[in-house]
Amino acid sequence: MIIRKILASFGKERFYVRPLYESEMTNIFEKVGFKIRDKRFYNIHPLKYIHNHLVSLMNKNKIIMLWKELEEELGKDPTVIDKGRQYFLTMYFEVQRV
């Protein structure tokens, strides 16, 4: 709570909303009766910044296709997800009601 107030003091917001962690999302799905069938991670932060701010307009589509392919491959490697999931800005969950 204190951290939210400190962060809020830097802007006009009354509080700072942080994204949910993977463990929090998993707990929410379990509480409402869903089991997770698949879980993927996307939007590696440094790549997202490079794509959005540094890549020339004519190369954006090419880069985004390569990026998607790279993230799909990284997502298949359990070590990357186990030790590097904090580098991804987006999580994808496929759930099923139990």
C-alpha atoms as a PDB file:
ATOM      1  CA  MET A   1       0.000   0.000   0.000  1.00  0.00           C
ATOM      2  CA  ILE A   2       2.806   2.416   0.832  1.00  0.00           C
ATOM      3  CA  ILE A   3       4.502   1.722  -2.499  1.00  0.00           C
ATOM      4  CA  ARG A   4       1.280   2.516  -4.360  1.00  0.00           C
ATOM      5  CA  LYS A   5       0.992   5.866  -2.594  1.00  0.00           C
ATOM      6  CA  ILE A   6       4.611   6.741  -3.353  1.00  0.00           C
ATOM      7  CA  LEU A   7       4.212   5.848  -7.039  1.00  0.00           C
ATOM      8  CA  ALA A   8       0.916   7.741  -7.213  1.00  0.00           C
ATOM      9  CA  SER A   9       2.617  10.873  -5.933  1.00  0.00           C
ATOM     10  CA  PHE A  10       4.602  11.060  -9.194  1.00  0.00           C
ATOM     11  CA  GLY A  11       1.485  11.387 -11.341  1.00  0.00           C
ATOM     12  CA  LYS A  12      -2.152  12.380 -11.279  1.00  0.00           C
ATOM     13  CA  GLU A  13      -3.319   8.874 -10.396  1.00  0.00           C
ATOM     14  CA  ARG A  14      -4.547   8.241  -6.873  1.00  0.00           C
ATOM     15  CA  PHE A  15      -3.007   4.783  -6.902  1.00  0.00           C
ATOM     16  CA  TYR A  16      -0.742   2.634  -9.041  1.00  0.00           C
ATOM     17  CA  VAL A  17      -2.252  -0.450 -10.629  1.00  0.00           C
ATOM     18  CA  ARG A  18       0.304  -3.189 -11.123  1.00  0.00           C
ATOM     19  CA  PRO A  19      -0.214  -6.184 -13.399  1.00  0.00           C
ATOM     20  CA  LEU A  20      -1.111  -9.539 -11.875  1.00  0.00           C
ATOM     21  CA  TYR A  21       1.606 -12.129 -11.473  1.00  0.00           C
ATOM     22  CA  GLU A  22       1.291 -15.594 -12.958  1.00  0.00           C
ATOM     23  CA  SER A  23       0.676 -17.160  -9.529  1.00  0.00           C
ATOM     24  CA  GLU A  24      -2.133 -14.666  -8.850  1.00  0.00           C
ATOM     25  CA  MET A  25      -3.781 -15.426 -12.197  1.00  0.00           C
ATOM     26  CA  THR A  26      -3.497 -19.163 -11.539  1.00  0.00           C
ATOM     27  CA  ASN A  27      -5.131 -18.754  -8.110  1.00  0.00           C
ATOM     28  CA  ILE A  28      -7.970 -16.672  -9.584  1.00  0.00           C
ATOM     29  CA  PHE A  29      -8.724 -19.274 -12.269  1.00  0.00           C
ATOM     30  CA  GLU A  30      -8.714 -22.076  -9.667  1.00  0.00           C
ATOM     31  CA  LYS A  31     -11.013 -20.139  -7.314  1.00  0.00           C
ATOM     32  CA  VAL A  32     -13.643 -19.642 -10.024  1.00  0.00           C
ATOM     33  CA  GLY A  33     -13.524 -23.269 -11.145  1.00  0.00           C
ATOM     34  CA  PHE A  34     -11.188 -23.305 -14.136  1.00  0.00           C
ATOM     35  CA  LYS A  35      -8.178 -25.496 -14.764  1.00  0.00           C
ATOM     36  CA  ILE A  36      -5.356 -24.231 -16.922  1.00  0.00           C
ATOM     37  CA  ARG A  37      -4.892 -26.212 -20.124  1.00  0.00           C
ATOM     38  CA  ASP A  38      -2.083 -24.104 -21.571  1.00  0.00           C
ATOM     39  CA  LYS A  39       0.001 -21.143 -20.496  1.00  0.00           C
ATOM     40  CA  ARG A  40       2.204 -18.965 -22.716  1.00  0.00           C
ATOM     41  CA  PHE A  41       4.231 -15.820 -22.235  1.00  0.00           C
ATOM     42  CA  TYR A  42       4.647 -12.994 -24.797  1.00  0.00           C
ATOM     43  CA  ASN A  43       6.018  -9.463 -25.251  1.00  0.00           C
ATOM     44  CA  ILE A  44       9.582  -9.677 -24.052  1.00  0.00           C
ATOM     45  CA  HIS A  45      10.104  -6.211 -22.667  1.00  0.00           C
ATOM     46  CA  PRO A  46      13.321  -5.118 -24.442  1.00  0.00           C
ATOM     47  CA  LEU A  47      12.018  -6.422 -27.786  1.00  0.00           C
ATOM     48  CA  LYS A  48       8.732  -4.608 -27.304  1.00  0.00           C
ATOM     49  CA  TYR A  49      10.592  -1.346 -26.715  1.00  0.00           C
ATOM     50  CA  ILE A  50      12.821  -1.885 -29.749  1.00  0.00           C
ATOM     51  CA  HIS A  51       9.847  -2.692 -31.986  1.00  0.00           C
ATOM     52  CA  ASN A  52       7.728   0.215 -30.794  1.00  0.00           C
ATOM     53  CA  HIS A  53      10.401   2.906 -30.669  1.00  0.00           C
ATOM     54  CA  LEU A  54      13.471   2.008 -32.711  1.00  0.00           C
ATOM     55  CA  VAL A  55      12.559  -0.142 -35.741  1.00  0.00           C
ATOM     56  CA  SER A  56      11.887   1.728 -38.969  1.00  0.00           C
ATOM     57  CA  LEU A  57       8.329   1.672 -40.258  1.00  0.00           C
ATOM     58  CA  MET A  58       9.217  -0.417 -43.321  1.00  0.00           C
ATOM     59  CA  ASN A  59      10.681  -3.174 -41.124  1.00  0.00           C
ATOM     60  CA  LYS A  60       7.985  -3.363 -38.429  1.00  0.00           C
ATOM     61  CA  ASN A  61       5.937  -6.149 -40.078  1.00  0.00           C
ATOM     62  CA  LYS A  62       8.990  -8.278 -40.776  1.00  0.00           C
ATOM     63  CA  ILE A  63      10.240  -7.824 -37.214  1.00  0.00           C
ATOM     64  CA  ILE A  64       6.849  -8.647 -35.660  1.00  0.00           C
ATOM     65  CA  MET A  65       6.639 -11.954 -37.563  1.00  0.00           C
ATOM     66  CA  LEU A  66      10.163 -12.956 -36.516  1.00  0.00           C
ATOM     67  CA  TRP A  67       9.407 -11.817 -32.974  1.00  0.00           C
ATOM     68  CA  LYS A  68       6.266 -13.981 -32.794  1.00  0.00           C
ATOM     69  CA  GLU A  69       8.220 -16.989 -34.030  1.00  0.00           C
ATOM     70  CA  LEU A  70      10.973 -16.334 -31.478  1.00  0.00           C
ATOM     71  CA  GLU A  71       8.510 -16.040 -28.588  1.00  0.00           C
ATOM     72  CA  GLU A  72       6.730 -19.231 -29.631  1.00  0.00           C
ATOM     73  CA  GLU A  73      10.057 -21.109 -29.567  1.00  0.00           C
ATOM     74  CA  LEU A  74      11.120 -19.560 -26.252  1.00  0.00           C
ATOM     75  CA  GLY A  75       7.733 -20.525 -24.794  1.00  0.00           C
ATOM     76  CA  LYS A  76       8.448 -24.190 -25.542  1.00  0.00           C
ATOM     77  CA  ASP A  77      11.634 -24.128 -23.469  1.00  0.00           C
ATOM     78  CA  PRO A  78      10.756 -24.899 -19.825  1.00  0.00           C
ATOM     79  CA  THR A  79      13.968 -23.308 -18.526  1.00  0.00           C
ATOM     80  CA  VAL A  80      13.219 -19.959 -20.193  1.00  0.00           C
ATOM     81  CA  ILE A  81       9.720 -19.876 -18.725  1.00  0.00           C
ATOM     82  CA  ASP A  82      10.847 -21.171 -15.356  1.00  0.00           C
ATOM     83  CA  LYS A  83      13.715 -18.725 -14.881  1.00  0.00           C
ATOM     84  CA  GLY A  84      12.826 -15.812 -17.185  1.00  0.00           C
ATOM     85  CA  ARG A  85       9.080 -15.288 -17.044  1.00  0.00           C
ATOM     86  CA  GLN A  86       9.524 -11.851 -15.427  1.00  0.00           C
ATOM     87  CA  TYR A  87      10.854 -10.563 -18.782  1.00  0.00           C
ATOM     88  CA  PHE A  88       7.498 -11.136 -20.499  1.00  0.00           C
ATOM     89  CA  LEU A  89       4.814  -8.441 -20.298  1.00  0.00           C
ATOM     90  CA  THR A  90       1.890 -10.597 -21.435  1.00  0.00           C
ATOM     91  CA  MET A  91       0.622 -13.999 -20.317  1.00  0.00           C
ATOM     92  CA  TYR A  92      -1.797 -16.133 -22.290  1.00  0.00           C
ATOM     93  CA  PHE A  93      -3.898 -18.705 -20.449  1.00  0.00           C
ATOM     94  CA  GLU A  94      -6.118 -21.313 -22.045  1.00  0.00           C
ATOM     95  CA  VAL A  95      -8.566 -22.482 -19.402  1.00  0.00           C
ATOM     96  CA  GLN A  96     -11.341 -25.030 -19.114  1.00  0.00           C
ATOM     97  CA  ARG A  97     -14.174 -25.215 -16.619  1.00  0.00           C
ATOM     98  CA  VAL A  98     -13.811 -28.215 -14.303  1.00  0.00           C
END
